[in-house]
């Protein structure tokens, strides 16, 4: 006789299917989501699109979902992890935000993009930054991939800690 035959049958309650509102709230509790992102995730799970849109509208009305708050959080998080304004603007656009929402979110950034670029270069190339031309090119490529503009890249790769 094996151990499985002696175990009593499970008598626990069956899990009920969650409503679109409950599923959306579950996602929002974990982290902020844009309206577009939340809708896409829920619809991809086979939920009725009309019910999803209604649920998201209700959550937005009740203050659980807010594109402005989402955008400000994304700007702060991406800037703190070494991304530049071009990358962040593009990412905000992929989340279904319009240009006025993007500009408002970018305006909430209280740091300095040049300081962020210089910090990233110093973390990668040492406290004195890139010294040789090949290192400067690598640093410039890194900053370009991270979404910093040309003038910021030039200043950050020619950084002199004494300045």
C-alpha atoms as a PDB file:
ATOM      1  CA  UNK A   1       0.000   0.000   0.000  1.00  0.00           C
ATOM      2  CA  UNK A   2       1.388   3.434  -0.865  1.00  0.00           C
ATOM      3  CA  UNK A   3       1.074   6.691   1.018  1.00  0.00           C
ATOM      4  CA  UNK A   4      -1.291   8.233  -1.482  1.00  0.00           C
ATOM      5  CA  UNK A   5      -4.081   5.751  -0.817  1.00  0.00           C
ATOM      6  CA  UNK A   6      -4.180   6.624   2.875  1.00  0.00           C
ATOM      7  CA  UNK A   7      -4.587  10.345   2.395  1.00  0.00           C
ATOM      8  CA  UNK A   8      -8.126  11.600   2.787  1.00  0.00           C
ATOM      9  CA  UNK A   9      -9.705  13.382  -0.156  1.00  0.00           C
ATOM     10  CA  UNK A  10      -9.331  17.149  -0.162  1.00  0.00           C
ATOM     11  CA  UNK A  11     -12.372  18.927   1.146  1.00  0.00           C
ATOM     12  CA  UNK A  12     -11.128  22.487   0.616  1.00  0.00           C
ATOM     13  CA  UNK A  13     -13.212  25.041  -1.165  1.00  0.00           C
ATOM     14  CA  UNK A  14     -12.802  25.343  -4.883  1.00  0.00           C
ATOM     15  CA  UNK A  15     -11.242  28.520  -6.031  1.00  0.00           C
ATOM     16  CA  UNK A  16     -13.757  30.850  -7.615  1.00  0.00           C
ATOM     17  CA  UNK A  17     -12.977  32.583 -10.842  1.00  0.00           C
ATOM     18  CA  UNK A  18     -11.966  36.190 -10.243  1.00  0.00           C
ATOM     19  CA  UNK A  19     -13.805  39.047 -11.899  1.00  0.00           C
ATOM     20  CA  UNK A  20     -11.924  41.418 -14.205  1.00  0.00           C
ATOM     21  CA  UNK A  21     -12.083  44.029 -11.434  1.00  0.00           C
ATOM     22  CA  UNK A  22     -10.470  41.669  -8.928  1.00  0.00           C
ATOM     23  CA  UNK A  23      -7.779  40.613 -11.394  1.00  0.00           C
ATOM     24  CA  UNK A  24      -6.990  44.217 -12.305  1.00  0.00           C
ATOM     25  CA  UNK A  25      -6.772  45.182  -8.653  1.00  0.00           C
ATOM     26  CA  UNK A  26      -4.462  42.223  -8.049  1.00  0.00           C
ATOM     27  CA  UNK A  27      -2.098  43.541 -10.717  1.00  0.00           C
ATOM     28  CA  UNK A  28      -2.245  47.099  -9.376  1.00  0.00           C
ATOM     29  CA  UNK A  29      -1.449  45.993  -5.844  1.00  0.00           C
ATOM     30  CA  UNK A  30       1.880  44.597  -7.074  1.00  0.00           C
ATOM     31  CA  UNK A  31       2.937  47.726  -9.017  1.00  0.00           C
ATOM     32  CA  UNK A  32       1.611  50.696 -10.955  1.00  0.00           C
ATOM     33  CA  UNK A  33       0.293  49.981 -14.457  1.00  0.00           C
ATOM     34  CA  UNK A  34      -0.811  52.304 -17.226  1.00  0.00           C
ATOM     35  CA  UNK A  35      -4.380  52.013 -18.390  1.00  0.00           C
ATOM     36  CA  UNK A  36      -3.245  50.540 -21.736  1.00  0.00           C
ATOM     37  CA  UNK A  37      -0.881  48.033 -20.103  1.00  0.00           C
ATOM     38  CA  UNK A  38      -3.526  46.874 -17.624  1.00  0.00           C
ATOM     39  CA  UNK A  39      -6.084  46.385 -20.393  1.00  0.00           C
ATOM     40  CA  UNK A  40      -3.632  44.458 -22.545  1.00  0.00           C
ATOM     41  CA  UNK A  41      -2.680  42.111 -19.714  1.00  0.00           C
ATOM     42  CA  UNK A  42      -6.269  41.345 -18.751  1.00  0.00           C
ATOM     43  CA  UNK A  43      -7.490  40.908 -22.323  1.00  0.00           C
ATOM     44  CA  UNK A  44      -4.588  38.561 -23.089  1.00  0.00           C
ATOM     45  CA  UNK A  45      -5.875  36.316 -20.302  1.00  0.00           C
ATOM     46  CA  UNK A  46      -9.108  35.789 -22.163  1.00  0.00           C
ATOM     47  CA  UNK A  47     -11.317  38.211 -20.261  1.00  0.00           C
ATOM     48  CA  UNK A  48     -14.169  40.002 -21.988  1.00  0.00           C
ATOM     49  CA  UNK A  49     -12.848  43.304 -23.408  1.00  0.00           C
ATOM     50  CA  UNK A  50     -15.967  45.283 -22.416  1.00  0.00           C
ATOM     51  CA  UNK A  51     -15.797  44.004 -18.831  1.00  0.00           C
ATOM     52  CA  UNK A  52     -12.084  44.793 -18.707  1.00  0.00           C
ATOM     53  CA  UNK A  53     -12.648  48.370 -19.914  1.00  0.00           C
ATOM     54  CA  UNK A  54     -15.435  48.851 -17.374  1.00  0.00           C
ATOM     55  CA  UNK A  55     -13.266  47.479 -14.550  1.00  0.00           C
ATOM     56  CA  UNK A  56     -10.328  49.715 -15.466  1.00  0.00           C
ATOM     57  CA  UNK A  57     -12.580  52.770 -15.670  1.00  0.00           C
ATOM     58  CA  UNK A  58     -13.941  52.029 -12.218  1.00  0.00           C
ATOM     59  CA  UNK A  59     -10.446  51.548 -10.767  1.00  0.00           C
ATOM     60  CA  UNK A  60      -9.338  54.844 -12.331  1.00  0.00           C
ATOM     61  CA  UNK A  61     -12.397  56.598 -10.951  1.00  0.00           C
ATOM     62  CA  UNK A  62     -11.699  55.203  -7.463  1.00  0.00           C
ATOM     63  CA  UNK A  63      -8.030  56.226  -7.625  1.00  0.00           C
ATOM     64  CA  UNK A  64      -6.492  52.756  -7.888  1.00  0.00           C
ATOM     65  CA  UNK A  65      -5.253  53.273 -11.438  1.00  0.00           C
ATOM     66  CA  UNK A  66      -3.761  56.612 -12.423  1.00  0.00           C
ATOM     67  CA  UNK A  67      -1.738  57.161 -15.601  1.00  0.00           C
ATOM     68  CA  UNK A  68      -0.164  60.325 -14.163  1.00  0.00           C
ATOM     69  CA  UNK A  69       1.069  58.499 -11.059  1.00  0.00           C
ATOM     70  CA  UNK A  70       2.269  55.602 -13.211  1.00  0.00           C
ATOM     71  CA  UNK A  71       4.234  57.948 -15.481  1.00  0.00           C
ATOM     72  CA  UNK A  72       5.869  59.806 -12.584  1.00  0.00           C
ATOM     73  CA  UNK A  73       6.894  56.510 -10.986  1.00  0.00           C
ATOM     74  CA  UNK A  74       8.328  55.208 -14.250  1.00  0.00           C
ATOM     75  CA  UNK A  75      10.339  58.403 -14.825  1.00  0.00           C
ATOM     76  CA  UNK A  76      11.784  58.269 -11.313  1.00  0.00           C
ATOM     77  CA  UNK A  77      12.618  54.544 -11.493  1.00  0.00           C
ATOM     78  CA  UNK A  78      14.208  54.676 -14.932  1.00  0.00           C
ATOM     79  CA  UNK A  79      16.234  57.801 -14.137  1.00  0.00           C
ATOM     80  CA  UNK A  80      17.496  56.172 -10.937  1.00  0.00           C
ATOM     81  CA  UNK A  81      18.641  53.102 -12.874  1.00  0.00           C
ATOM     82  CA  UNK A  82      20.686  55.076 -15.399  1.00  0.00           C
ATOM     83  CA  UNK A  83      18.331  55.740 -18.293  1.00  0.00           C
ATOM     84  CA  UNK A  84      18.169  59.047 -20.123  1.00  0.00           C
ATOM     85  CA  UNK A  85      15.253  61.224 -21.152  1.00  0.00           C
ATOM     86  CA  UNK A  86      15.019  59.937 -24.734  1.00  0.00           C
ATOM     87  CA  UNK A  87      14.640  56.331 -23.587  1.00  0.00           C
ATOM     88  CA  UNK A  88      12.142  57.248 -20.880  1.00  0.00           C
ATOM     89  CA  UNK A  89       9.991  59.339 -23.242  1.00  0.00           C
ATOM     90  CA  UNK A  90       9.889  56.470 -25.733  1.00  0.00           C
ATOM     91  CA  UNK A  91       8.943  53.981 -23.035  1.00  0.00           C
ATOM     92  CA  UNK A  92       6.151  56.217 -21.772  1.00  0.00           C
ATOM     93  CA  UNK A  93       4.836  56.376 -25.333  1.00  0.00           C
ATOM     94  CA  UNK A  94       4.638  52.589 -25.507  1.00  0.00           C
ATOM     95  CA  UNK A  95       2.366  52.659 -22.462  1.00  0.00           C
ATOM     96  CA  UNK A  96      -0.283  54.633 -24.329  1.00  0.00           C
ATOM     97  CA  UNK A  97       0.372  58.042 -22.803  1.00  0.00           C
ATOM     98  CA  UNK A  98      -0.101  61.146 -24.941  1.00  0.00           C
ATOM     99  CA  UNK A  99       2.550  63.830 -25.378  1.00  0.00           C
ATOM    100  CA  UNK A 100       1.104  66.151 -22.719  1.00  0.00           C
ATOM    101  CA  UNK A 101       1.101  63.339 -20.148  1.00  0.00           C
ATOM    102  CA  UNK A 102       4.675  62.439 -21.100  1.00  0.00           C
ATOM    103  CA  UNK A 103       5.882  66.037 -20.801  1.00  0.00           C
ATOM    104  CA  UNK A 104       4.127  66.453 -17.447  1.00  0.00           C
ATOM    105  CA  UNK A 105       5.787  63.297 -16.123  1.00  0.00           C
ATOM    106  CA  UNK A 106       9.214  64.337 -17.438  1.00  0.00           C
ATOM    107  CA  UNK A 107       8.807  67.709 -15.729  1.00  0.00           C
ATOM    108  CA  UNK A 108       8.495  65.943 -12.365  1.00  0.00           C
ATOM    109  CA  UNK A 109      12.112  64.732 -12.625  1.00  0.00           C
ATOM    110  CA  UNK A 110      14.065  66.786 -10.103  1.00  0.00           C
ATOM    111  CA  UNK A 111      17.546  65.528 -10.933  1.00  0.00           C
ATOM    112  CA  UNK A 112      20.070  66.548 -13.541  1.00  0.00           C
ATOM    113  CA  UNK A 113      20.403  64.406 -16.661  1.00  0.00           C
ATOM    114  CA  UNK A 114      24.070  65.303 -17.047  1.00  0.00           C
ATOM    115  CA  UNK A 115      24.792  64.201 -13.476  1.00  0.00           C
ATOM    116  CA  UNK A 116      22.990  60.924 -14.150  1.00  0.00           C
ATOM    117  CA  UNK A 117      25.048  60.377 -17.302  1.00  0.00           C
ATOM    118  CA  UNK A 118      28.283  61.174 -15.478  1.00  0.00           C
ATOM    119  CA  UNK A 119      27.381  58.826 -12.620  1.00  0.00           C
ATOM    120  CA  UNK A 120      26.745  56.016 -15.098  1.00  0.00           C
ATOM    121  CA  UNK A 121      30.056  56.654 -16.875  1.00  0.00           C
ATOM    122  CA  UNK A 122      31.947  56.729 -13.557  1.00  0.00           C
ATOM    123  CA  UNK A 123      30.339  53.464 -12.437  1.00  0.00           C
ATOM    124  CA  UNK A 124      31.399  51.786 -15.676  1.00  0.00           C
ATOM    125  CA  UNK A 125      34.787  53.386 -16.331  1.00  0.00           C
ATOM    126  CA  UNK A 126      36.068  54.357 -12.911  1.00  0.00           C
ATOM    127  CA  UNK A 127      36.039  57.569 -10.933  1.00  0.00           C
ATOM    128  CA  UNK A 128      38.091  59.492 -13.508  1.00  0.00           C
ATOM    129  CA  UNK A 129      35.874  58.423 -16.395  1.00  0.00           C
ATOM    130  CA  UNK A 130      37.091  57.264 -19.805  1.00  0.00           C
ATOM    131  CA  UNK A 131      40.605  58.499 -20.551  1.00  0.00           C
ATOM    132  CA  UNK A 132      41.392  57.016 -23.953  1.00  0.00           C
ATOM    133  CA  UNK A 133      39.518  57.552 -27.197  1.00  0.00           C
ATOM    134  CA  UNK A 134      38.340  53.919 -27.358  1.00  0.00           C
ATOM    135  CA  UNK A 135      36.922  54.167 -23.830  1.00  0.00           C
ATOM    136  CA  UNK A 136      35.216  57.456 -24.662  1.00  0.00           C
ATOM    137  CA  UNK A 137      33.584  55.830 -27.670  1.00  0.00           C
ATOM    138  CA  UNK A 138      32.364  52.943 -25.530  1.00  0.00           C
ATOM    139  CA  UNK A 139      31.047  55.393 -22.948  1.00  0.00           C
ATOM    140  CA  UNK A 140      29.301  57.406 -25.676  1.00  0.00           C
ATOM    141  CA  UNK A 141      27.725  54.242 -27.097  1.00  0.00           C
ATOM    142  CA  UNK A 142      26.528  53.248 -23.630  1.00  0.00           C
ATOM    143  CA  UNK A 143      24.938  56.631 -23.021  1.00  0.00           C
ATOM    144  CA  UNK A 144      23.316  56.661 -26.461  1.00  0.00           C
ATOM    145  CA  UNK A 145      21.813  53.202 -25.864  1.00  0.00           C
ATOM    146  CA  UNK A 146      20.533  54.431 -22.504  1.00  0.00           C
ATOM    147  CA  UNK A 147      18.749  57.388 -24.113  1.00  0.00           C
ATOM    148  CA  UNK A 148      20.913  60.431 -23.432  1.00  0.00           C
ATOM    149  CA  UNK A 149      21.149  63.196 -26.052  1.00  0.00           C
ATOM    150  CA  UNK A 150      24.278  64.223 -27.930  1.00  0.00           C
ATOM    151  CA  UNK A 151      25.264  67.260 -25.859  1.00  0.00           C
ATOM    152  CA  UNK A 152      24.874  65.320 -22.639  1.00  0.00           C
ATOM    153  CA  UNK A 153      26.975  62.479 -24.062  1.00  0.00           C
ATOM    154  CA  UNK A 154      29.754  64.867 -25.124  1.00  0.00           C
ATOM    155  CA  UNK A 155      29.870  66.520 -21.709  1.00  0.00           C
ATOM    156  CA  UNK A 156      29.719  63.277 -19.752  1.00  0.00           C
ATOM    157  CA  UNK A 157      32.457  61.527 -21.726  1.00  0.00           C
ATOM    158  CA  UNK A 158      34.815  64.486 -21.407  1.00  0.00           C
ATOM    159  CA  UNK A 159      34.157  64.749 -17.718  1.00  0.00           C
ATOM    160  CA  UNK A 160      36.918  66.050 -15.509  1.00  0.00           C
ATOM    161  CA  UNK A 161      36.237  65.370 -11.793  1.00  0.00           C
ATOM    162  CA  UNK A 162      37.957  68.674 -10.970  1.00  0.00           C
ATOM    163  CA  UNK A 163      35.240  70.664 -12.823  1.00  0.00           C
END
